[in-house]
Structures are given as C-alpha cells and as structure tokens.
Amino acid sequence: MVNSLLFKFITTTKCRNNSLNGLNGIVIDETANTIKVLTLTGSVKTIIKEDCWFYVNVDGCTYLINGRKLITKGKGRKTFKFV
C-alpha cells in the first residue's frame, strides 16, 4: 500500500530546532521539502522534512521515519510506502 503523509497523525522528534520536538498533529499539506501540521492547539506549523524525524501512525501502527527519506525532487515525486 502506497500512501502520502497527508491527513496522517504525526509526532516530531530529533529536530534541529528543539522547539519542534514533540510536536503532535495532522498533516494538512505536504510539499517536496516541507510538511504543514495542524497541531492539537489549532495552530499550523511548517516543518522542514530534512530537519526532523517523524513518528507516523498508520492503521494502528507507528513508524519512525527519517525526514530526509521523504524529500522528493522534480516531477518524479515519491510517495512513502508503509508496509
């Protein structure tokens, strides 16, 4: 099953910017290099994929993903495969 992160619940960890560590929310937009997250407090945060690791909840399972693996370039945008 191939999925994007759109509308998945994520938690950030190991971010270069320490204020983003532990950020919880739902992905509302995803570009080649960033993710926009609607937090539990109602604010929208833009996170650079390269700078963080993400815990992603999919179908009751939690995956730890390196943000660098989510970066895509050009027309051949990859989607992340959850196994």
C-alpha atoms as a PDB file:
ATOM      1  CA  MET A   1       0.000   0.000   0.000  1.00  0.00           C
ATOM      2  CA  VAL A   2       1.482   3.348  -1.063  1.00  0.00           C
ATOM      3  CA  ASN A   3       0.450   6.419   0.932  1.00  0.00           C
ATOM      4  CA  SER A   4       1.455  10.012   1.345  1.00  0.00           C
ATOM      5  CA  LEU A   5       1.615  11.643   4.758  1.00  0.00           C
ATOM      6  CA  LEU A   6      -1.440  13.766   4.010  1.00  0.00           C
ATOM      7  CA  PHE A   7      -4.033  13.527   6.822  1.00  0.00           C
ATOM      8  CA  LYS A   8      -1.838  11.228   8.933  1.00  0.00           C
ATOM      9  CA  PHE A   9      -1.219  11.887  12.632  1.00  0.00           C
ATOM     10  CA  ILE A  10       2.488  12.581  13.255  1.00  0.00           C
ATOM     11  CA  THR A  11       4.818  13.440  16.128  1.00  0.00           C
ATOM     12  CA  THR A  12       8.172  15.114  15.533  1.00  0.00           C
ATOM     13  CA  THR A  13      11.396  14.069  17.220  1.00  0.00           C
ATOM     14  CA  LYS A  14      15.162  14.668  16.872  1.00  0.00           C
ATOM     15  CA  CYS A  15      14.602  18.060  15.188  1.00  0.00           C
ATOM     16  CA  ARG A  16      17.419  20.548  14.649  1.00  0.00           C
ATOM     17  CA  ASN A  17      15.077  23.204  16.020  1.00  0.00           C
ATOM     18  CA  ASN A  18      14.417  21.959  19.554  1.00  0.00           C
ATOM     19  CA  SER A  19      11.138  23.882  19.783  1.00  0.00           C
ATOM     20  CA  LEU A  20       9.666  21.471  17.187  1.00  0.00           C
ATOM     21  CA  ASN A  21      10.495  18.311  19.167  1.00  0.00           C
ATOM     22  CA  GLY A  22       7.352  16.572  20.383  1.00  0.00           C
ATOM     23  CA  LEU A  23       5.014  18.483  18.062  1.00  0.00           C
ATOM     24  CA  ASN A  24       1.817  16.456  17.512  1.00  0.00           C
ATOM     25  CA  GLY A  25      -0.761  16.964  14.813  1.00  0.00           C
ATOM     26  CA  ILE A  26      -2.317  16.064  11.491  1.00  0.00           C
ATOM     27  CA  VAL A  27      -0.528  16.703   8.199  1.00  0.00           C
ATOM     28  CA  ILE A  28      -2.673  19.129   6.191  1.00  0.00           C
ATOM     29  CA  ASP A  29      -0.226  19.907   3.369  1.00  0.00           C
ATOM     30  CA  GLU A  30       2.926  18.311   2.006  1.00  0.00           C
ATOM     31  CA  THR A  31       5.384  19.778  -0.495  1.00  0.00           C
ATOM     32  CA  ALA A  32       8.684  18.429  -1.781  1.00  0.00           C
ATOM     33  CA  ASN A  33      10.628  19.800   1.223  1.00  0.00           C
ATOM     34  CA  THR A  34       8.086  20.721   3.910  1.00  0.00           C
ATOM     35  CA  ILE A  35       5.112  19.443   5.856  1.00  0.00           C
ATOM     36  CA  LYS A  36       2.346  21.640   7.296  1.00  0.00           C
ATOM     37  CA  VAL A  37       0.880  20.268  10.506  1.00  0.00           C
ATOM     38  CA  LEU A  38      -2.364  21.278  12.221  1.00  0.00           C
ATOM     39  CA  THR A  39      -1.460  20.956  15.905  1.00  0.00           C
ATOM     40  CA  LEU A  40      -3.745  19.909  18.726  1.00  0.00           C
ATOM     41  CA  THR A  41      -3.951  23.565  19.839  1.00  0.00           C
ATOM     42  CA  GLY A  42      -5.263  24.632  16.413  1.00  0.00           C
ATOM     43  CA  SER A  43      -2.140  26.331  15.077  1.00  0.00           C
ATOM     44  CA  VAL A  44      -0.477  25.442  11.779  1.00  0.00           C
ATOM     45  CA  LYS A  45       3.278  24.745  11.809  1.00  0.00           C
ATOM     46  CA  THR A  46       5.517  24.346   8.766  1.00  0.00           C
ATOM     47  CA  ILE A  47       8.277  21.788   9.289  1.00  0.00           C
ATOM     48  CA  ILE A  48      11.279  21.239   7.036  1.00  0.00           C
ATOM     49  CA  LYS A  49      11.441  17.500   6.328  1.00  0.00           C
ATOM     50  CA  GLU A  50      15.240  17.358   6.279  1.00  0.00           C
ATOM     51  CA  ASP A  51      15.493  18.701   9.830  1.00  0.00           C
ATOM     52  CA  CYS A  52      13.332  16.134  11.684  1.00  0.00           C
ATOM     53  CA  TRP A  53      12.428  12.528  12.264  1.00  0.00           C
ATOM     54  CA  PHE A  54       8.723  11.678  12.388  1.00  0.00           C
ATOM     55  CA  TYR A  55       6.593   9.133  14.196  1.00  0.00           C
ATOM     56  CA  VAL A  56       3.690   8.390  11.841  1.00  0.00           C
ATOM     57  CA  ASN A  57       0.549   6.490  12.832  1.00  0.00           C
ATOM     58  CA  VAL A  58      -0.897   4.353  10.021  1.00  0.00           C
ATOM     59  CA  ASP A  59      -3.631   1.795  10.594  1.00  0.00           C
ATOM     60  CA  GLY A  60      -2.810   1.436  14.289  1.00  0.00           C
ATOM     61  CA  CYS A  61       0.955   1.026  13.714  1.00  0.00           C
ATOM     62  CA  THR A  62       3.585   3.652  14.488  1.00  0.00           C
ATOM     63  CA  TYR A  63       6.587   4.099  12.183  1.00  0.00           C
ATOM     64  CA  LEU A  64       9.726   6.170  12.803  1.00  0.00           C
ATOM     65  CA  ILE A  65      10.766   7.874   9.547  1.00  0.00           C
ATOM     66  CA  ASN A  66      13.812   9.983   8.761  1.00  0.00           C
ATOM     67  CA  GLY A  67      12.591  13.214   7.149  1.00  0.00           C
ATOM     68  CA  ARG A  68      15.432  13.073   4.613  1.00  0.00           C
ATOM     69  CA  LYS A  69      13.813   9.950   3.142  1.00  0.00           C
ATOM     70  CA  LEU A  70      10.629  11.950   2.500  1.00  0.00           C
ATOM     71  CA  ILE A  71      12.288  14.656   0.385  1.00  0.00           C
ATOM     72  CA  THR A  72      11.414  14.468  -3.295  1.00  0.00           C
ATOM     73  CA  LYS A  73      12.729  16.295  -6.310  1.00  0.00           C
ATOM     74  CA  GLY A  74      11.075  17.301  -9.549  1.00  0.00           C
ATOM     75  CA  LYS A  75       8.324  15.572 -11.428  1.00  0.00           C
ATOM     76  CA  GLY A  76       9.017  12.088 -10.083  1.00  0.00           C
ATOM     77  CA  ARG A  77       7.676  12.760  -6.589  1.00  0.00           C
ATOM     78  CA  LYS A  78       7.919   9.676  -4.466  1.00  0.00           C
ATOM     79  CA  THR A  79       5.299   8.541  -2.039  1.00  0.00           C
ATOM     80  CA  PHE A  80       6.386   6.686   1.063  1.00  0.00           C
ATOM     81  CA  LYS A  81       5.493   3.008   1.199  1.00  0.00           C
ATOM     82  CA  PHE A  82       4.115   1.821   4.538  1.00  0.00           C
ATOM     83  CA  VAL A  83       4.499  -1.922   4.910  1.00  0.00           C
END
